[in-house]
Amino acid sequence: MVKRNEMSPVIPILLIYAGLWVLRAVEYLVLRTDQSIVGEAVLHKLTGILVLVLVLRYLGLRARQVGFAGYRVGRYLALGLLLGAGSYLLAYGAAYYLQFGAGQQPSLALYVTSYAVDGNVGHQTGALFFLLCIVGNIINVVMEEGVFRGLFVRLAESRFRFGVALAFSSLLFGLWHVVAPLRSYLGGTMSGKGAMLVALMLVVTTGLTGIKFGLLVKLTGSLWAAMADHFFNNTVINLLHIVTAGGADAMQTMRITIAQTVSFIVVLVFFVVKKAWQKQTFRGEPGPWGKAAFK
């Protein structure tokens, strides 16, 4: 039996990831809770939060030591929301301008949808659906940021530098999203080649987005700003739509690309100016183990 202090951090990271990925696949391919009244695949994410808590207890780590710090919470949440709002203001403005210039008479509409790789689905206006959307997205960012930018980066940094730890966790985050095109392929709504192209696009784009979230964590020493930016990104896609006579959200992919590119550049500039690579990733108290934990 391999003892904890003799184990590479890559092994527990991959074991945790594989278990959660299988649960995610089951929920998307079999249970399909995101296509139900819930509108979000929350079961595997709630399980992920439970796994995060159990792993932290096993390692003797406190929540703040993987980014859930108790300081400047409101400030960093506001920072993340401002980053998301500013980048999406530019993105929606660009899409609106292009569609207006093409004579499509666009208008903004507020209603709840569920995100899908081949276009948002649903059109709900009841208060319950707005509440479910917001709660579902909160659960989503707590789990994904807590696991990918919190736990995985913390574990990987016990052996590797921050850049390697972040690249590894971001690759896993990218692969996390291939379940959606896989479902489209298995359901016959997308060809094999199309599904592979979409999967590759998702791995690259969400992987880069994961790097941006990780840089935010390094800049602030906590998960709060990344969680707020992540939450705004997901929520605005579900709630705010550009509608024309030809349909809704025709330029959604372009909007997301513009917003993520702008916010990535902003974060990268601040990361370089502040020389954030010299900072400790998480500003909580040192854990009971450090770089020697997984010798």
C-alpha atoms as a PDB file:
ATOM      1  CA  MET A   1       0.000   0.000   0.000  1.00  0.00           C
ATOM      2  CA  VAL A   2       1.345   3.418  -0.985  1.00  0.00           C
ATOM      3  CA  LYS A   3       1.453   5.807   1.922  1.00  0.00           C
ATOM      4  CA  ARG A   4       0.185   9.363   1.525  1.00  0.00           C
ATOM      5  CA  ASN A   5       3.657  10.852   2.031  1.00  0.00           C
ATOM      6  CA  GLU A   6       5.082   8.612  -0.711  1.00  0.00           C
ATOM      7  CA  MET A   7       2.448   9.314  -3.323  1.00  0.00           C
ATOM      8  CA  SER A   8       2.644  11.717  -6.256  1.00  0.00           C
ATOM      9  CA  PRO A   9      -0.138  14.341  -6.096  1.00  0.00           C
ATOM     10  CA  VAL A  10      -1.037  13.431  -9.676  1.00  0.00           C
ATOM     11  CA  ILE A  11      -2.473  10.089  -8.557  1.00  0.00           C
ATOM     12  CA  PRO A  12      -5.087  11.366  -6.053  1.00  0.00           C
ATOM     13  CA  ILE A  13      -5.973  14.240  -8.383  1.00  0.00           C
ATOM     14  CA  LEU A  14      -6.683  11.838 -11.253  1.00  0.00           C
ATOM     15  CA  LEU A  15      -8.613   9.442  -9.007  1.00  0.00           C
ATOM     16  CA  ILE A  16     -10.849  12.220  -7.679  1.00  0.00           C
ATOM     17  CA  TYR A  17     -11.285  13.651 -11.178  1.00  0.00           C
ATOM     18  CA  ALA A  18     -12.141  10.280 -12.751  1.00  0.00           C
ATOM     19  CA  GLY A  19     -14.806   9.577 -10.137  1.00  0.00           C
ATOM     20  CA  LEU A  20     -16.429  12.982 -10.577  1.00  0.00           C
ATOM     21  CA  TRP A  21     -16.200  12.784 -14.384  1.00  0.00           C
ATOM     22  CA  VAL A  22     -18.046   9.438 -14.376  1.00  0.00           C
ATOM     23  CA  LEU A  23     -20.775  10.911 -12.152  1.00  0.00           C
ATOM     24  CA  ARG A  24     -20.993  13.892 -14.504  1.00  0.00           C
ATOM     25  CA  ALA A  25     -21.332  11.602 -17.523  1.00  0.00           C
ATOM     26  CA  VAL A  26     -24.086   9.579 -15.848  1.00  0.00           C
ATOM     27  CA  GLU A  27     -26.026  12.724 -14.996  1.00  0.00           C
ATOM     28  CA  TYR A  28     -25.690  14.190 -18.492  1.00  0.00           C
ATOM     29  CA  LEU A  29     -26.198  10.996 -20.482  1.00  0.00           C
ATOM     30  CA  VAL A  30     -28.715   9.117 -18.309  1.00  0.00           C
ATOM     31  CA  LEU A  31     -30.406  11.342 -15.724  1.00  0.00           C
ATOM     32  CA  ARG A  32     -30.336  14.539 -17.852  1.00  0.00           C
ATOM     33  CA  THR A  33     -31.262  16.779 -14.934  1.00  0.00           C
ATOM     34  CA  ASP A  34     -30.168  19.836 -16.912  1.00  0.00           C
ATOM     35  CA  GLN A  35     -33.101  19.153 -19.267  1.00  0.00           C
ATOM     36  CA  SER A  36     -35.583  18.874 -16.391  1.00  0.00           C
ATOM     37  CA  ILE A  37     -37.286  21.617 -14.390  1.00  0.00           C
ATOM     38  CA  VAL A  38     -34.020  22.036 -12.461  1.00  0.00           C
ATOM     39  CA  GLY A  39     -32.292  23.295 -15.614  1.00  0.00           C
ATOM     40  CA  GLU A  40     -28.847  22.443 -14.251  1.00  0.00           C
ATOM     41  CA  ALA A  41     -26.868  19.234 -13.729  1.00  0.00           C
ATOM     42  CA  VAL A  42     -26.402  19.738  -9.995  1.00  0.00           C
ATOM     43  CA  LEU A  43     -26.264  16.203  -8.578  1.00  0.00           C
ATOM     44  CA  HIS A  44     -22.652  15.470  -9.515  1.00  0.00           C
ATOM     45  CA  LYS A  45     -21.684  18.993  -8.424  1.00  0.00           C
ATOM     46  CA  LEU A  46     -23.262  18.555  -5.006  1.00  0.00           C
ATOM     47  CA  THR A  47     -21.395  15.263  -4.810  1.00  0.00           C
ATOM     48  CA  GLY A  48     -18.230  17.106  -5.828  1.00  0.00           C
ATOM     49  CA  ILE A  49     -18.669  19.554  -2.948  1.00  0.00           C
ATOM     50  CA  LEU A  50     -19.100  16.616  -0.559  1.00  0.00           C
ATOM     51  CA  VAL A  51     -15.962  14.956  -1.955  1.00  0.00           C
ATOM     52  CA  LEU A  52     -14.080  18.241  -1.542  1.00  0.00           C
ATOM     53  CA  VAL A  53     -15.101  18.457   2.124  1.00  0.00           C
ATOM     54  CA  LEU A  54     -14.137  14.822   2.795  1.00  0.00           C
ATOM     55  CA  VAL A  55     -10.751  15.144   1.079  1.00  0.00           C
ATOM     56  CA  LEU A  56      -9.946  18.310   3.014  1.00  0.00           C
ATOM     57  CA  ARG A  57     -10.794  16.532   6.266  1.00  0.00           C
ATOM     58  CA  TYR A  58      -8.630  13.563   5.308  1.00  0.00           C
ATOM     59  CA  LEU A  59      -5.666  15.831   4.512  1.00  0.00           C
ATOM     60  CA  GLY A  60      -6.208  17.962   7.587  1.00  0.00           C
ATOM     61  CA  LEU A  61      -6.724  21.111   5.532  1.00  0.00           C
ATOM     62  CA  ARG A  62      -9.055  23.988   6.316  1.00  0.00           C
ATOM     63  CA  ALA A  63     -11.316  25.474   3.648  1.00  0.00           C
ATOM     64  CA  ARG A  64      -9.337  28.720   3.623  1.00  0.00           C
ATOM     65  CA  GLN A  65      -6.199  26.782   2.724  1.00  0.00           C
ATOM     66  CA  VAL A  66      -7.686  25.929  -0.673  1.00  0.00           C
ATOM     67  CA  GLY A  67      -9.009  29.401  -1.354  1.00  0.00           C
ATOM     68  CA  PHE A  68     -12.156  29.856   0.735  1.00  0.00           C
ATOM     69  CA  ALA A  69     -10.454  32.600   2.727  1.00  0.00           C
ATOM     70  CA  GLY A  70     -12.345  34.653   5.269  1.00  0.00           C
ATOM     71  CA  TYR A  71     -10.880  38.029   4.358  1.00  0.00           C
ATOM     72  CA  ARG A  72     -11.969  40.603   1.747  1.00  0.00           C
ATOM     73  CA  VAL A  73     -14.791  38.305   0.629  1.00  0.00           C
ATOM     74  CA  GLY A  74     -17.139  41.121  -0.408  1.00  0.00           C
ATOM     75  CA  ARG A  75     -14.336  43.035  -2.121  1.00  0.00           C
ATOM     76  CA  TYR A  76     -13.204  40.077  -4.216  1.00  0.00           C
ATOM     77  CA  LEU A  77     -16.745  38.989  -5.059  1.00  0.00           C
ATOM     78  CA  ALA A  78     -17.435  42.542  -6.280  1.00  0.00           C
ATOM     79  CA  LEU A  79     -14.181  42.482  -8.260  1.00  0.00           C
ATOM     80  CA  GLY A  80     -15.153  39.257 -10.008  1.00  0.00           C
ATOM     81  CA  LEU A  81     -18.664  40.479 -10.788  1.00  0.00           C
ATOM     82  CA  LEU A  82     -17.263  43.752 -12.142  1.00  0.00           C
ATOM     83  CA  LEU A  83     -14.834  41.873 -14.368  1.00  0.00           C
ATOM     84  CA  GLY A  84     -17.628  39.695 -15.729  1.00  0.00           C
ATOM     85  CA  ALA A  85     -20.081  42.569 -16.167  1.00  0.00           C
ATOM     86  CA  GLY A  86     -17.560  44.792 -17.928  1.00  0.00           C
ATOM     87  CA  SER A  87     -16.403  42.131 -20.380  1.00  0.00           C
ATOM     88  CA  TYR A  88     -19.955  41.033 -21.201  1.00  0.00           C
ATOM     89  CA  LEU A  89     -21.077  44.635 -21.630  1.00  0.00           C
ATOM     90  CA  LEU A  90     -18.545  44.904 -24.455  1.00  0.00           C
ATOM     91  CA  ALA A  91     -19.537  41.489 -25.824  1.00  0.00           C
ATOM     92  CA  TYR A  92     -23.274  42.179 -25.874  1.00  0.00           C
ATOM     93  CA  GLY A  93     -22.647  45.640 -27.283  1.00  0.00           C
ATOM     94  CA  ALA A  94     -20.589  44.223 -30.153  1.00  0.00           C
ATOM     95  CA  ALA A  95     -23.175  41.554 -30.973  1.00  0.00           C
ATOM     96  CA  TYR A  96     -26.051  44.040 -30.760  1.00  0.00           C
ATOM     97  CA  TYR A  97     -24.225  46.505 -33.033  1.00  0.00           C
ATOM     98  CA  LEU A  98     -23.437  43.846 -35.654  1.00  0.00           C
ATOM     99  CA  GLN A  99     -26.984  42.509 -35.727  1.00  0.00           C
ATOM    100  CA  PHE A 100     -28.459  45.995 -35.818  1.00  0.00           C
ATOM    101  CA  GLY A 101     -26.140  46.912 -38.687  1.00  0.00           C
ATOM    102  CA  ALA A 102     -27.311  43.831 -40.558  1.00  0.00           C
ATOM    103  CA  GLY A 103     -30.912  45.060 -40.286  1.00  0.00           C
ATOM    104  CA  GLN A 104     -32.018  42.306 -37.898  1.00  0.00           C
ATOM    105  CA  GLN A 105     -33.612  44.674 -35.329  1.00  0.00           C
ATOM    106  CA  PRO A 106     -32.208  42.988 -32.213  1.00  0.00           C
ATOM    107  CA  SER A 107     -33.683  43.402 -28.750  1.00  0.00           C
ATOM    108  CA  LEU A 108     -32.693  42.218 -25.289  1.00  0.00           C
ATOM    109  CA  ALA A 109     -34.856  39.673 -23.488  1.00  0.00           C
ATOM    110  CA  LEU A 110     -34.661  38.321 -19.949  1.00  0.00           C
ATOM    111  CA  TYR A 111     -35.711  34.711 -19.475  1.00  0.00           C
ATOM    112  CA  VAL A 112     -34.234  31.433 -18.258  1.00  0.00           C
ATOM    113  CA  THR A 113     -32.651  28.859 -20.551  1.00  0.00           C
ATOM    114  CA  SER A 114     -30.315  25.918 -20.136  1.00  0.00           C
ATOM    115  CA  TYR A 115     -27.020  26.125 -21.981  1.00  0.00           C
ATOM    116  CA  ALA A 116     -26.347  23.609 -24.748  1.00  0.00           C
ATOM    117  CA  VAL A 117     -23.452  23.350 -27.215  1.00  0.00           C
ATOM    118  CA  ASP A 118     -25.865  23.589 -30.148  1.00  0.00           C
ATOM    119  CA  GLY A 119     -27.880  26.499 -28.712  1.00  0.00           C
ATOM    120  CA  ASN A 120     -29.694  27.395 -25.513  1.00  0.00           C
ATOM    121  CA  VAL A 121     -32.881  25.484 -24.822  1.00  0.00           C
ATOM    122  CA  GLY A 122     -35.980  26.579 -22.921  1.00  0.00           C
ATOM    123  CA  HIS A 123     -37.826  29.849 -22.366  1.00  0.00           C
ATOM    124  CA  GLN A 124     -38.944  30.202 -18.750  1.00  0.00           C
ATOM    125  CA  THR A 125     -40.077  33.446 -17.132  1.00  0.00           C
ATOM    126  CA  GLY A 126     -41.368  32.266 -13.737  1.00  0.00           C
ATOM    127  CA  ALA A 127     -39.644  33.452 -10.554  1.00  0.00           C
ATOM    128  CA  LEU A 128     -38.950  29.844  -9.531  1.00  0.00           C
ATOM    129  CA  PHE A 129     -36.874  29.260 -12.667  1.00  0.00           C
ATOM    130  CA  PHE A 130     -34.800  32.388 -12.035  1.00  0.00           C
ATOM    131  CA  LEU A 131     -34.174  31.183  -8.486  1.00  0.00           C
ATOM    132  CA  LEU A 132     -33.223  27.683  -9.661  1.00  0.00           C
ATOM    133  CA  CYS A 133     -30.866  29.175 -12.241  1.00  0.00           C
ATOM    134  CA  ILE A 134     -29.082  31.336  -9.664  1.00  0.00           C
ATOM    135  CA  VAL A 135     -28.846  28.582  -7.031  1.00  0.00           C
ATOM    136  CA  GLY A 136     -27.690  26.054  -9.628  1.00  0.00           C
ATOM    137  CA  ASN A 137     -24.939  28.373 -10.836  1.00  0.00           C
ATOM    138  CA  ILE A 138     -23.789  29.052  -7.262  1.00  0.00           C
ATOM    139  CA  ILE A 139     -23.494  25.307  -6.657  1.00  0.00           C
ATOM    140  CA  ASN A 140     -21.636  24.994  -9.954  1.00  0.00           C
ATOM    141  CA  VAL A 141     -18.971  27.598  -9.171  1.00  0.00           C
ATOM    142  CA  VAL A 142     -18.457  26.439  -5.573  1.00  0.00           C
ATOM    143  CA  MET A 143     -17.776  22.911  -6.798  1.00  0.00           C
ATOM    144  CA  GLU A 144     -15.734  23.680  -9.912  1.00  0.00           C
ATOM    145  CA  GLU A 145     -13.609  26.446  -8.405  1.00  0.00           C
ATOM    146  CA  GLY A 146     -13.244  24.585  -5.119  1.00  0.00           C
ATOM    147  CA  VAL A 147     -12.070  21.413  -6.855  1.00  0.00           C
ATOM    148  CA  PHE A 148     -10.170  22.638  -9.929  1.00  0.00           C
ATOM    149  CA  ARG A 149      -8.619  25.907  -8.734  1.00  0.00           C
ATOM    150  CA  GLY A 150      -8.668  25.053  -5.038  1.00  0.00           C
ATOM    151  CA  LEU A 151      -7.996  21.407  -4.229  1.00  0.00           C
ATOM    152  CA  PHE A 152      -6.230  20.354  -7.438  1.00  0.00           C
ATOM    153  CA  VAL A 153      -3.913  23.366  -7.548  1.00  0.00           C
ATOM    154  CA  ARG A 154      -3.125  22.979  -3.836  1.00  0.00           C
ATOM    155  CA  LEU A 155      -2.275  19.304  -4.250  1.00  0.00           C
ATOM    156  CA  ALA A 156      -0.264  19.814  -7.439  1.00  0.00           C
ATOM    157  CA  GLU A 157       1.721  22.671  -5.883  1.00  0.00           C
ATOM    158  CA  SER A 158       3.020  20.251  -3.261  1.00  0.00           C
ATOM    159  CA  ARG A 159       5.276  18.902  -6.015  1.00  0.00           C
ATOM    160  CA  PHE A 160       5.195  21.343  -8.931  1.00  0.00           C
ATOM    161  CA  ARG A 161       5.401  25.071  -9.541  1.00  0.00           C
ATOM    162  CA  PHE A 162       2.189  27.079  -9.794  1.00  0.00           C
ATOM    163  CA  GLY A 163       2.356  27.316 -13.602  1.00  0.00           C
ATOM    164  CA  VAL A 164       2.508  23.544 -13.990  1.00  0.00           C
ATOM    165  CA  ALA A 165      -0.191  23.011 -11.363  1.00  0.00           C
ATOM    166  CA  LEU A 166      -2.492  25.497 -13.091  1.00  0.00           C
ATOM    167  CA  ALA A 167      -1.849  24.058 -16.573  1.00  0.00           C
ATOM    168  CA  PHE A 168      -2.640  20.549 -15.308  1.00  0.00           C
ATOM    169  CA  SER A 169      -5.852  21.562 -13.533  1.00  0.00           C
ATOM    170  CA  SER A 170      -6.942  23.659 -16.546  1.00  0.00           C
ATOM    171  CA  LEU A 171      -6.438  20.726 -18.915  1.00  0.00           C
ATOM    172  CA  LEU A 172      -8.659  18.620 -16.667  1.00  0.00           C
ATOM    173  CA  PHE A 173     -11.182  21.477 -16.579  1.00  0.00           C
ATOM    174  CA  GLY A 174     -11.227  21.538 -20.372  1.00  0.00           C
ATOM    175  CA  LEU A 175     -11.775  17.775 -20.602  1.00  0.00           C
ATOM    176  CA  TRP A 176     -14.537  18.162 -17.993  1.00  0.00           C
ATOM    177  CA  HIS A 177     -16.699  19.818 -20.672  1.00  0.00           C
ATOM    178  CA  VAL A 178     -16.523  17.183 -23.427  1.00  0.00           C
ATOM    179  CA  VAL A 179     -19.574  15.397 -21.979  1.00  0.00           C
ATOM    180  CA  ALA A 180     -21.911  17.868 -23.715  1.00  0.00           C
ATOM    181  CA  PRO A 181     -20.795  17.167 -27.315  1.00  0.00           C
ATOM    182  CA  LEU A 182     -20.581  13.474 -26.439  1.00  0.00           C
ATOM    183  CA  ARG A 183     -24.282  13.553 -25.531  1.00  0.00           C
ATOM    184  CA  SER A 184     -25.105  15.398 -28.749  1.00  0.00           C
ATOM    185  CA  TYR A 185     -23.270  12.736 -30.764  1.00  0.00           C
ATOM    186  CA  LEU A 186     -24.880   9.808 -28.947  1.00  0.00           C
ATOM    187  CA  GLY A 187     -28.288  11.482 -29.312  1.00  0.00           C
ATOM    188  CA  GLY A 188     -27.853  11.813 -33.068  1.00  0.00           C
ATOM    189  CA  THR A 189     -27.998  15.623 -33.136  1.00  0.00           C
ATOM    190  CA  MET A 190     -24.312  15.977 -34.015  1.00  0.00           C
ATOM    191  CA  SER A 191     -22.023  14.021 -36.331  1.00  0.00           C
ATOM    192  CA  GLY A 192     -18.914  12.317 -35.024  1.00  0.00           C
ATOM    193  CA  LYS A 193     -16.666  14.837 -36.751  1.00  0.00           C
ATOM    194  CA  GLY A 194     -18.770  17.730 -35.521  1.00  0.00           C
ATOM    195  CA  ALA A 195     -18.722  16.410 -31.960  1.00  0.00           C
ATOM    196  CA  MET A 196     -14.941  16.014 -32.063  1.00  0.00           C
ATOM    197  CA  LEU A 197     -14.478  19.572 -33.330  1.00  0.00           C
ATOM    198  CA  VAL A 198     -16.813  20.987 -30.688  1.00  0.00           C
ATOM    199  CA  ALA A 199     -15.105  18.912 -27.995  1.00  0.00           C
ATOM    200  CA  LEU A 200     -11.694  20.214 -29.094  1.00  0.00           C
ATOM    201  CA  MET A 201     -13.004  23.782 -29.096  1.00  0.00           C
ATOM    202  CA  LEU A 202     -14.438  23.322 -25.597  1.00  0.00           C
ATOM    203  CA  VAL A 203     -11.196  21.821 -24.258  1.00  0.00           C
ATOM    204  CA  VAL A 204      -9.220  24.792 -25.579  1.00  0.00           C
ATOM    205  CA  THR A 205     -11.652  27.566 -24.630  1.00  0.00           C
ATOM    206  CA  THR A 206     -12.623  26.250 -21.196  1.00  0.00           C
ATOM    207  CA  GLY A 207      -9.016  25.303 -20.524  1.00  0.00           C
ATOM    208  CA  LEU A 208      -7.944  28.896 -21.211  1.00  0.00           C
ATOM    209  CA  THR A 209     -10.833  30.150 -19.085  1.00  0.00           C
ATOM    210  CA  GLY A 210      -9.589  27.871 -16.309  1.00  0.00           C
ATOM    211  CA  ILE A 211      -6.159  29.479 -16.601  1.00  0.00           C
ATOM    212  CA  LYS A 212      -7.783  32.912 -16.262  1.00  0.00           C
ATOM    213  CA  PHE A 213      -9.609  31.810 -13.107  1.00  0.00           C
ATOM    214  CA  GLY A 214      -6.333  30.417 -11.764  1.00  0.00           C
ATOM    215  CA  LEU A 215      -4.519  33.689 -12.406  1.00  0.00           C
ATOM    216  CA  LEU A 216      -7.297  35.468 -10.506  1.00  0.00           C
ATOM    217  CA  VAL A 217      -6.741  33.086  -7.598  1.00  0.00           C
ATOM    218  CA  LYS A 218      -3.016  33.829  -7.619  1.00  0.00           C
ATOM    219  CA  LEU A 219      -3.685  37.572  -7.795  1.00  0.00           C
ATOM    220  CA  THR A 220      -6.115  37.648  -4.878  1.00  0.00           C
ATOM    221  CA  GLY A 221      -5.012  34.677  -2.777  1.00  0.00           C
ATOM    222  CA  SER A 222      -8.536  33.255  -2.688  1.00  0.00           C
ATOM    223  CA  LEU A 223     -11.268  31.760  -4.865  1.00  0.00           C
ATOM    224  CA  TRP A 224     -13.842  34.516  -4.411  1.00  0.00           C
ATOM    225  CA  ALA A 225     -13.046  36.710  -7.446  1.00  0.00           C
ATOM    226  CA  ALA A 226     -12.786  33.677  -9.729  1.00  0.00           C
ATOM    227  CA  MET A 227     -16.057  32.289  -8.371  1.00  0.00           C
ATOM    228  CA  ALA A 228     -17.855  35.603  -8.967  1.00  0.00           C
ATOM    229  CA  ASP A 229     -16.528  35.952 -12.518  1.00  0.00           C
ATOM    230  CA  HIS A 230     -17.397  32.317 -13.241  1.00  0.00           C
ATOM    231  CA  PHE A 231     -20.882  32.817 -11.783  1.00  0.00           C
ATOM    232  CA  PHE A 232     -21.545  35.940 -13.860  1.00  0.00           C
ATOM    233  CA  ASN A 233     -20.381  34.226 -17.046  1.00  0.00           C
ATOM    234  CA  ASN A 234     -22.683  31.244 -16.594  1.00  0.00           C
ATOM    235  CA  THR A 235     -25.666  33.222 -15.324  1.00  0.00           C
ATOM    236  CA  VAL A 236     -25.708  35.907 -18.009  1.00  0.00           C
ATOM    237  CA  ILE A 237     -25.645  33.196 -20.696  1.00  0.00           C
ATOM    238  CA  ASN A 238     -28.712  31.602 -19.090  1.00  0.00           C
ATOM    239  CA  LEU A 239     -30.659  34.810 -18.466  1.00  0.00           C
ATOM    240  CA  LEU A 240     -29.876  37.625 -20.906  1.00  0.00           C
ATOM    241  CA  HIS A 241     -30.566  37.030 -24.603  1.00  0.00           C
ATOM    242  CA  ILE A 242     -30.395  38.951 -27.855  1.00  0.00           C
ATOM    243  CA  VAL A 243     -33.510  38.208 -29.883  1.00  0.00           C
ATOM    244  CA  THR A 244     -34.120  38.920 -33.576  1.00  0.00           C
ATOM    245  CA  ALA A 245     -36.796  37.908 -36.064  1.00  0.00           C
ATOM    246  CA  GLY A 246     -34.603  34.930 -36.949  1.00  0.00           C
ATOM    247  CA  GLY A 247     -34.372  33.634 -33.384  1.00  0.00           C
ATOM    248  CA  ALA A 248     -32.403  34.133 -30.187  1.00  0.00           C
ATOM    249  CA  ASP A 249     -28.687  34.105 -29.373  1.00  0.00           C
ATOM    250  CA  ALA A 250     -27.444  33.704 -32.930  1.00  0.00           C
ATOM    251  CA  MET A 251     -24.107  35.222 -31.900  1.00  0.00           C
ATOM    252  CA  GLN A 252     -23.840  33.610 -28.481  1.00  0.00           C
ATOM    253  CA  THR A 253     -20.541  31.865 -29.222  1.00  0.00           C
ATOM    254  CA  MET A 254     -19.073  35.154 -30.435  1.00  0.00           C
ATOM    255  CA  ARG A 255     -20.311  36.946 -27.295  1.00  0.00           C
ATOM    256  CA  ILE A 256     -18.709  34.372 -25.021  1.00  0.00           C
ATOM    257  CA  THR A 257     -15.456  34.494 -26.989  1.00  0.00           C
ATOM    258  CA  ILE A 258     -15.268  38.302 -26.833  1.00  0.00           C
ATOM    259  CA  ALA A 259     -16.070  38.410 -23.117  1.00  0.00           C
ATOM    260  CA  GLN A 260     -13.579  35.712 -22.170  1.00  0.00           C
ATOM    261  CA  THR A 261     -10.840  37.185 -24.363  1.00  0.00           C
ATOM    262  CA  VAL A 262     -11.276  40.669 -22.901  1.00  0.00           C
ATOM    263  CA  SER A 263     -11.381  39.442 -19.304  1.00  0.00           C
ATOM    264  CA  PHE A 264      -8.395  37.128 -19.891  1.00  0.00           C
ATOM    265  CA  ILE A 265      -6.315  40.039 -21.190  1.00  0.00           C
ATOM    266  CA  VAL A 266      -7.335  42.252 -18.261  1.00  0.00           C
ATOM    267  CA  VAL A 267      -6.422  39.571 -15.712  1.00  0.00           C
ATOM    268  CA  LEU A 268      -3.143  38.757 -17.476  1.00  0.00           C
ATOM    269  CA  VAL A 269      -2.104  42.432 -17.526  1.00  0.00           C
ATOM    270  CA  PHE A 270      -2.783  42.786 -13.797  1.00  0.00           C
ATOM    271  CA  PHE A 271      -1.026  39.477 -13.137  1.00  0.00           C
ATOM    272  CA  VAL A 272       2.123  40.740 -14.866  1.00  0.00           C
ATOM    273  CA  VAL A 273       1.995  44.276 -13.426  1.00  0.00           C
ATOM    274  CA  LYS A 274       1.505  42.979  -9.887  1.00  0.00           C
ATOM    275  CA  LYS A 275       4.155  40.252 -10.378  1.00  0.00           C
ATOM    276  CA  ALA A 276       1.645  37.874  -8.896  1.00  0.00           C
ATOM    277  CA  TRP A 277       3.771  34.808  -9.636  1.00  0.00           C
ATOM    278  CA  GLN A 278       5.900  35.834  -6.655  1.00  0.00           C
ATOM    279  CA  LYS A 279       2.937  35.610  -4.268  1.00  0.00           C
ATOM    280  CA  GLN A 280       1.749  32.640  -2.255  1.00  0.00           C
ATOM    281  CA  THR A 281      -1.202  31.091  -4.085  1.00  0.00           C
ATOM    282  CA  PHE A 282      -3.475  30.789  -1.058  1.00  0.00           C
ATOM    283  CA  ARG A 283      -3.107  33.301   1.751  1.00  0.00           C
ATOM    284  CA  GLY A 284      -4.503  31.037   4.475  1.00  0.00           C
ATOM    285  CA  GLU A 285      -2.426  29.557   7.245  1.00  0.00           C
ATOM    286  CA  PRO A 286       0.164  26.960   6.173  1.00  0.00           C
ATOM    287  CA  GLY A 287      -1.199  23.447   6.136  1.00  0.00           C
ATOM    288  CA  PRO A 288       0.082  20.553   8.235  1.00  0.00           C
ATOM    289  CA  TRP A 289       2.004  19.454   5.174  1.00  0.00           C
ATOM    290  CA  GLY A 290       3.865  21.337   2.476  1.00  0.00           C
ATOM    291  CA  LYS A 291       5.914  20.404  -0.571  1.00  0.00           C
ATOM    292  CA  ALA A 292       7.164  17.274   1.168  1.00  0.00           C
ATOM    293  CA  ALA A 293       3.653  15.862   1.583  1.00  0.00           C
ATOM    294  CA  PHE A 294       3.741  13.689  -1.528  1.00  0.00           C
ATOM    295  CA  LYS A 295       7.403  12.641  -1.712  1.00  0.00           C
END
